[in-house]
Amino acid sequence: MTNYRKQNLFTIIELLAAMTIIVILAAITVGVYSYIRTKTYNDKTMATIKKVEMAMRSFKQDNGYYVQQATQGGLTINTSDNDFYTYLDYSKMLESGEINSSNNLVDAWGREILYQCPGSHNRTMFDLISIGKDGTNNDGSGDDITNFTNY
């Protein structure tokens, strides 16, 4: 029996220590992945907002006004209305998921980006608001991504 104990076997403490290290590394990996995913979605949403903002400014420069929408709501891209449609790269935005099948402008989470012109925050322009990761409209604060605040 003593010969059997002299063999190199792992003790329960060594196994628990190894498992603890593996669990800690897994938790760190999940946390980093979640942070990177959120940051990527935020960046993609901000890029979409910037594209639309540039298209809106070009539209105003050529037409003298922004696309009007007095109450805050989703921005629907009307493909039969060439006035604004021509300023967006519609087919590329549709292909990349920035415009959904209902022709609404959406963020990286697939939620509609809200639009209002004249804006509540940008009174001489317009407001674009993504309600962010939590899905709650904080009117431009919290995790909302907008054209009037930095995230």
Protein backbone atom coordinates (compact mmCIF):
# COMPACT_ATOMS: atom_id res chain seq x y z
CA MET A 1 0.00 0.00 0.00
CA THR A 2 2.81 2.47 0.67
CA ASN A 3 4.20 1.91 -2.83
CA TYR A 4 0.86 3.01 -4.26
CA ARG A 5 0.99 6.31 -2.31
CA LYS A 6 4.49 7.09 -3.57
CA GLN A 7 3.29 7.33 -7.16
CA ASN A 8 2.91 10.88 -8.54
CA LEU A 9 -0.82 11.45 -8.18
CA PHE A 10 -2.60 14.80 -8.08
CA THR A 11 -4.04 15.71 -4.73
CA ILE A 12 -7.50 17.19 -4.39
CA ILE A 13 -5.96 20.54 -3.44
CA GLU A 14 -3.87 20.60 -6.63
CA LEU A 15 -6.94 19.79 -8.73
CA LEU A 16 -8.99 22.51 -7.01
CA ALA A 17 -6.19 25.03 -7.54
CA ALA A 18 -6.00 24.18 -11.26
CA MET A 19 -9.78 24.41 -11.63
CA THR A 20 -9.81 27.77 -9.80
CA ILE A 21 -7.21 29.16 -12.19
CA ILE A 22 -9.21 27.94 -15.20
CA VAL A 23 -12.42 29.53 -13.85
CA ILE A 24 -10.65 32.85 -13.21
CA LEU A 25 -9.19 32.88 -16.73
CA ALA A 26 -12.60 32.04 -18.23
CA ALA A 27 -14.26 34.89 -16.28
CA ILE A 28 -11.64 37.36 -17.49
CA THR A 29 -12.09 36.16 -21.08
CA VAL A 30 -15.89 36.55 -20.93
CA GLY A 31 -15.55 40.04 -19.44
CA VAL A 32 -13.08 41.16 -22.10
CA TYR A 33 -15.26 39.67 -24.87
CA SER A 34 -18.33 41.50 -23.56
CA TYR A 35 -16.43 44.80 -23.39
CA ILE A 36 -15.02 44.40 -26.91
CA ARG A 37 -18.42 43.45 -28.33
CA THR A 38 -20.11 46.46 -26.73
CA LYS A 39 -17.33 48.79 -27.92
CA THR A 40 -17.60 47.37 -31.46
CA TYR A 41 -21.39 47.82 -31.50
CA ASN A 42 -21.04 51.38 -30.16
CA ASP A 43 -18.46 52.22 -32.85
CA LYS A 44 -20.61 50.70 -35.61
CA THR A 45 -23.65 52.64 -34.42
CA MET A 46 -21.69 55.89 -34.21
CA ALA A 47 -20.41 55.32 -37.77
CA THR A 48 -24.00 54.82 -38.98
CA ILE A 49 -25.09 58.03 -37.25
CA LYS A 50 -22.17 59.92 -38.82
CA LYS A 51 -23.06 58.59 -42.31
CA VAL A 52 -26.65 59.74 -41.95
CA GLU A 53 -25.57 63.06 -40.48
CA MET A 54 -23.30 63.69 -43.49
CA ALA A 55 -26.11 62.73 -45.88
CA MET A 56 -28.51 65.07 -44.05
CA ARG A 57 -26.05 67.95 -44.28
CA SER A 58 -25.49 67.34 -48.00
CA PHE A 59 -29.25 67.17 -48.51
CA LYS A 60 -29.71 70.50 -46.70
CA GLN A 61 -26.91 72.14 -48.64
CA ASP A 62 -28.57 71.21 -51.93
CA ASN A 63 -32.23 71.63 -50.91
CA GLY A 64 -32.12 74.27 -48.18
CA TYR A 65 -33.84 72.16 -45.49
CA TYR A 66 -33.48 68.93 -43.52
CA VAL A 67 -35.90 66.02 -43.84
CA GLN A 68 -38.66 67.13 -41.46
CA GLN A 69 -40.02 65.02 -38.60
CA ALA A 70 -41.42 67.01 -35.70
CA THR A 71 -41.81 64.16 -33.19
CA GLN A 72 -39.03 61.80 -32.19
CA GLY A 73 -39.36 58.45 -33.90
CA GLY A 74 -37.66 56.01 -36.22
CA LEU A 75 -36.19 57.32 -39.46
CA THR A 76 -37.72 55.47 -42.40
CA ILE A 77 -35.79 55.74 -45.66
CA ASN A 78 -38.38 56.23 -48.40
CA THR A 79 -36.80 54.69 -51.51
CA SER A 80 -39.35 56.33 -53.80
CA ASP A 81 -38.38 59.77 -52.50
CA ASN A 82 -35.18 60.59 -54.36
CA ASP A 83 -34.78 63.84 -52.43
CA PHE A 84 -33.00 62.14 -49.53
CA TYR A 85 -32.50 58.57 -50.77
CA THR A 86 -29.84 59.66 -53.24
CA TYR A 87 -27.63 61.06 -50.48
CA LEU A 88 -27.28 57.68 -48.74
CA ASP A 89 -25.49 54.63 -50.07
CA TYR A 90 -28.78 52.81 -49.54
CA SER A 91 -27.90 49.40 -51.01
CA LYS A 92 -24.64 49.19 -49.04
CA MET A 93 -26.38 50.27 -45.81
CA LEU A 94 -29.14 47.71 -46.41
CA GLU A 95 -26.56 44.98 -47.06
CA SER A 96 -24.58 45.84 -43.92
CA GLY A 97 -27.70 45.84 -41.71
CA GLU A 98 -27.77 49.59 -41.06
CA ILE A 99 -31.18 49.71 -42.74
CA ASN A 100 -33.62 46.90 -41.97
CA SER A 101 -36.12 45.22 -44.31
CA SER A 102 -38.75 47.84 -43.36
CA ASN A 103 -36.36 50.60 -44.56
CA ASN A 104 -35.79 51.90 -41.02
CA LEU A 105 -32.37 53.09 -39.96
CA VAL A 106 -31.14 50.73 -37.20
CA ASP A 107 -28.22 50.55 -34.79
CA ALA A 108 -25.85 47.61 -34.29
CA TRP A 109 -28.35 45.97 -31.89
CA GLY A 110 -31.05 46.06 -34.58
CA ARG A 111 -33.12 48.78 -32.88
CA GLU A 112 -34.43 51.81 -34.76
CA ILE A 113 -32.34 54.96 -34.56
CA LEU A 114 -34.64 57.77 -33.46
CA TYR A 115 -34.80 60.98 -35.49
CA GLN A 116 -36.28 64.41 -34.82
CA CYS A 117 -35.99 67.62 -36.84
CA PRO A 118 -35.75 70.22 -35.56
CA GLY A 119 -34.01 68.48 -32.71
CA SER A 120 -34.60 68.93 -28.99
CA HIS A 121 -30.84 69.10 -28.45
CA ASN A 122 -29.66 70.32 -31.86
CA ARG A 123 -32.31 73.01 -32.28
CA THR A 124 -30.90 74.32 -35.58
CA MET A 125 -30.35 70.82 -36.96
CA PHE A 126 -31.68 67.40 -36.01
CA ASP A 127 -31.25 64.73 -33.34
CA LEU A 128 -30.26 61.12 -34.05
CA ILE A 129 -30.44 58.79 -31.04
CA SER A 130 -29.60 55.11 -30.65
CA ILE A 131 -30.95 53.83 -27.35
CA GLY A 132 -27.76 51.81 -26.86
CA LYS A 133 -27.07 48.44 -25.33
CA ASP A 134 -29.62 48.60 -22.51
CA GLY A 135 -32.53 49.38 -24.88
CA THR A 136 -33.75 52.29 -22.78
CA ASN A 137 -34.22 55.77 -24.22
CA ASN A 138 -32.37 58.08 -21.83
CA ASP A 139 -32.87 61.08 -24.15
CA GLY A 140 -29.21 61.14 -25.09
CA SER A 141 -27.65 60.26 -21.74
CA GLY A 142 -26.56 56.98 -20.19
CA ASP A 143 -25.50 54.50 -22.84
CA ASP A 144 -27.40 56.28 -25.64
CA ILE A 145 -25.37 57.04 -28.76
CA THR A 146 -26.28 60.33 -30.43
CA ASN A 147 -25.12 63.02 -32.82
CA PHE A 148 -25.08 65.54 -29.96
CA THR A 149 -23.05 63.81 -27.21
CA ASN A 150 -19.98 61.62 -27.09
CA TYR A 151 -20.25 58.14 -25.68
